[in-house]
Amino acid sequence: MRSNLTVIHNIEQKSFEVHLDSHIAELNYYLSEDTITFTHTGVPSALEGRGIGSLLVSSGLKYAKENNLNVKSLCWFVDKYRQRHPSE
């Protein structure tokens, strides 16, 4: 199912989002100079187990790379994802 999902970069809310059914999954961040800090990954329980959290983190990391941003994480899920996917 993951490949059918679209990640929306909500710049005003500083989040990457997936809207599915009546739920919103999100990866929140803040920017400071040349660094993006990921603060929270939230996936509603109704959407868990579909790879949505990983899709959000992957999209956030891709955005950071494309914009030459250093990455910091205050989120355990982002840390776990980066350990499993060190090349991203």
C-alpha atoms as a PDB file:
ATOM      1  CA  MET A   1       0.000   0.000   0.000  1.00  0.00           C
ATOM      2  CA  ARG A   2       2.904   2.306   0.726  1.00  0.00           C
ATOM      3  CA  SER A   3       3.664   2.955  -2.958  1.00  0.00           C
ATOM      4  CA  ASN A   4       0.158   4.326  -3.553  1.00  0.00           C
ATOM      5  CA  LEU A   5       0.508   7.015  -0.895  1.00  0.00           C
ATOM      6  CA  THR A   6       1.404  10.629  -1.489  1.00  0.00           C
ATOM      7  CA  VAL A   7       3.483  12.596   0.992  1.00  0.00           C
ATOM      8  CA  ILE A   8       2.517  16.245   1.268  1.00  0.00           C
ATOM      9  CA  HIS A   9       5.130  18.736   2.436  1.00  0.00           C
ATOM     10  CA  ASN A  10       3.131  21.163   4.554  1.00  0.00           C
ATOM     11  CA  ILE A  11       5.611  24.019   4.792  1.00  0.00           C
ATOM     12  CA  GLU A  12       3.356  26.213   6.949  1.00  0.00           C
ATOM     13  CA  GLN A  13       2.937  23.464   9.557  1.00  0.00           C
ATOM     14  CA  LYS A  14       6.554  22.289   9.163  1.00  0.00           C
ATOM     15  CA  SER A  15       5.543  18.714   8.544  1.00  0.00           C
ATOM     16  CA  PHE A  16       5.486  15.946   5.993  1.00  0.00           C
ATOM     17  CA  GLU A  17       2.024  14.397   5.908  1.00  0.00           C
ATOM     18  CA  VAL A  18       0.076  11.449   4.555  1.00  0.00           C
ATOM     19  CA  HIS A  19      -3.696  11.884   4.466  1.00  0.00           C
ATOM     20  CA  LEU A  20      -5.583   8.595   4.369  1.00  0.00           C
ATOM     21  CA  ASP A  21      -9.254   8.020   5.093  1.00  0.00           C
ATOM     22  CA  SER A  22      -9.963  10.586   7.810  1.00  0.00           C
ATOM     23  CA  HIS A  23      -6.494  10.318   9.364  1.00  0.00           C
ATOM     24  CA  ILE A  24      -3.273  12.301   9.058  1.00  0.00           C
ATOM     25  CA  ALA A  25       0.155  10.788   9.701  1.00  0.00           C
ATOM     26  CA  GLU A  26       2.961  13.311  10.095  1.00  0.00           C
ATOM     27  CA  LEU A  27       6.659  13.904  10.510  1.00  0.00           C
ATOM     28  CA  ASN A  28       7.250  17.240  12.241  1.00  0.00           C
ATOM     29  CA  TYR A  29      10.419  19.296  11.994  1.00  0.00           C
ATOM     30  CA  TYR A  30      11.937  22.717  12.424  1.00  0.00           C
ATOM     31  CA  LEU A  31      14.572  24.506  10.400  1.00  0.00           C
ATOM     32  CA  SER A  32      17.516  26.431  11.795  1.00  0.00           C
ATOM     33  CA  GLU A  33      20.011  27.881   9.328  1.00  0.00           C
ATOM     34  CA  ASP A  34      21.315  24.846   7.394  1.00  0.00           C
ATOM     35  CA  THR A  35      19.865  22.162   9.693  1.00  0.00           C
ATOM     36  CA  ILE A  36      16.543  20.340   9.721  1.00  0.00           C
ATOM     37  CA  THR A  37      15.607  18.810  13.069  1.00  0.00           C
ATOM     38  CA  PHE A  38      12.973  16.093  13.029  1.00  0.00           C
ATOM     39  CA  THR A  39      10.978  16.272  16.246  1.00  0.00           C
ATOM     40  CA  HIS A  40       8.129  13.765  16.003  1.00  0.00           C
ATOM     41  CA  THR A  41       6.685  11.048  13.809  1.00  0.00           C
ATOM     42  CA  GLY A  42       3.016  10.418  14.434  1.00  0.00           C
ATOM     43  CA  VAL A  43       0.982   7.682  12.779  1.00  0.00           C
ATOM     44  CA  PRO A  44      -2.581   7.140  14.023  1.00  0.00           C
ATOM     45  CA  SER A  45      -3.171   3.597  15.259  1.00  0.00           C
ATOM     46  CA  ALA A  46      -5.652   2.979  12.416  1.00  0.00           C
ATOM     47  CA  LEU A  47      -2.786   3.490   9.927  1.00  0.00           C
ATOM     48  CA  GLU A  48      -0.037   1.572  11.732  1.00  0.00           C
ATOM     49  CA  GLY A  49       1.733  -1.328  10.078  1.00  0.00           C
ATOM     50  CA  ARG A  50       1.494   0.049   6.541  1.00  0.00           C
ATOM     51  CA  GLY A  51       4.970   1.568   6.248  1.00  0.00           C
ATOM     52  CA  ILE A  52       3.626   5.111   6.470  1.00  0.00           C
ATOM     53  CA  GLY A  53       6.050   6.227   9.172  1.00  0.00           C
ATOM     54  CA  SER A  54       8.981   4.964   7.119  1.00  0.00           C
ATOM     55  CA  LEU A  55       7.616   6.685   4.025  1.00  0.00           C
ATOM     56  CA  LEU A  56       7.395   9.975   5.925  1.00  0.00           C
ATOM     57  CA  VAL A  57      10.950   9.700   7.252  1.00  0.00           C
ATOM     58  CA  SER A  58      12.292   8.708   3.846  1.00  0.00           C
ATOM     59  CA  SER A  59      10.592  11.759   2.314  1.00  0.00           C
ATOM     60  CA  GLY A  60      11.956  14.050   5.014  1.00  0.00           C
ATOM     61  CA  LEU A  61      15.486  12.742   4.542  1.00  0.00           C
ATOM     62  CA  LYS A  62      15.189  13.094   0.772  1.00  0.00           C
ATOM     63  CA  TYR A  63      14.094  16.709   1.220  1.00  0.00           C
ATOM     64  CA  ALA A  64      17.073  17.355   3.506  1.00  0.00           C
ATOM     65  CA  LYS A  65      19.486  15.841   0.994  1.00  0.00           C
ATOM     66  CA  GLU A  66      18.008  17.765  -1.954  1.00  0.00           C
ATOM     67  CA  ASN A  67      18.334  21.022   0.001  1.00  0.00           C
ATOM     68  CA  ASN A  68      21.811  20.329   1.429  1.00  0.00           C
ATOM     69  CA  LEU A  69      20.535  20.389   5.002  1.00  0.00           C
ATOM     70  CA  ASN A  70      22.239  18.780   7.956  1.00  0.00           C
ATOM     71  CA  VAL A  71      19.928  16.364   9.756  1.00  0.00           C
ATOM     72  CA  LYS A  72      19.309  16.188  13.488  1.00  0.00           C
ATOM     73  CA  SER A  73      16.720  14.022  15.173  1.00  0.00           C
ATOM     74  CA  LEU A  74      14.851  14.289  18.430  1.00  0.00           C
ATOM     75  CA  CYS A  75      12.577  11.411  17.395  1.00  0.00           C
ATOM     76  CA  TRP A  76      13.230   7.755  18.210  1.00  0.00           C
ATOM     77  CA  PHE A  77      11.461   6.596  15.042  1.00  0.00           C
ATOM     78  CA  VAL A  78      13.683   8.738  12.819  1.00  0.00           C
ATOM     79  CA  ASP A  79      16.749   7.427  14.677  1.00  0.00           C
ATOM     80  CA  LYS A  80      15.606   3.828  14.202  1.00  0.00           C
ATOM     81  CA  TYR A  81      14.911   4.408  10.506  1.00  0.00           C
ATOM     82  CA  ARG A  82      18.347   5.957   9.938  1.00  0.00           C
ATOM     83  CA  GLN A  83      20.031   2.994  11.659  1.00  0.00           C
ATOM     84  CA  ARG A  84      18.231   0.612   9.307  1.00  0.00           C
ATOM     85  CA  HIS A  85      18.826   2.761   6.210  1.00  0.00           C
ATOM     86  CA  PRO A  86      22.240   4.424   6.674  1.00  0.00           C
ATOM     87  CA  SER A  87      22.570   5.327   2.993  1.00  0.00           C
ATOM     88  CA  GLU A  88      19.554   7.668   3.065  1.00  0.00           C
END
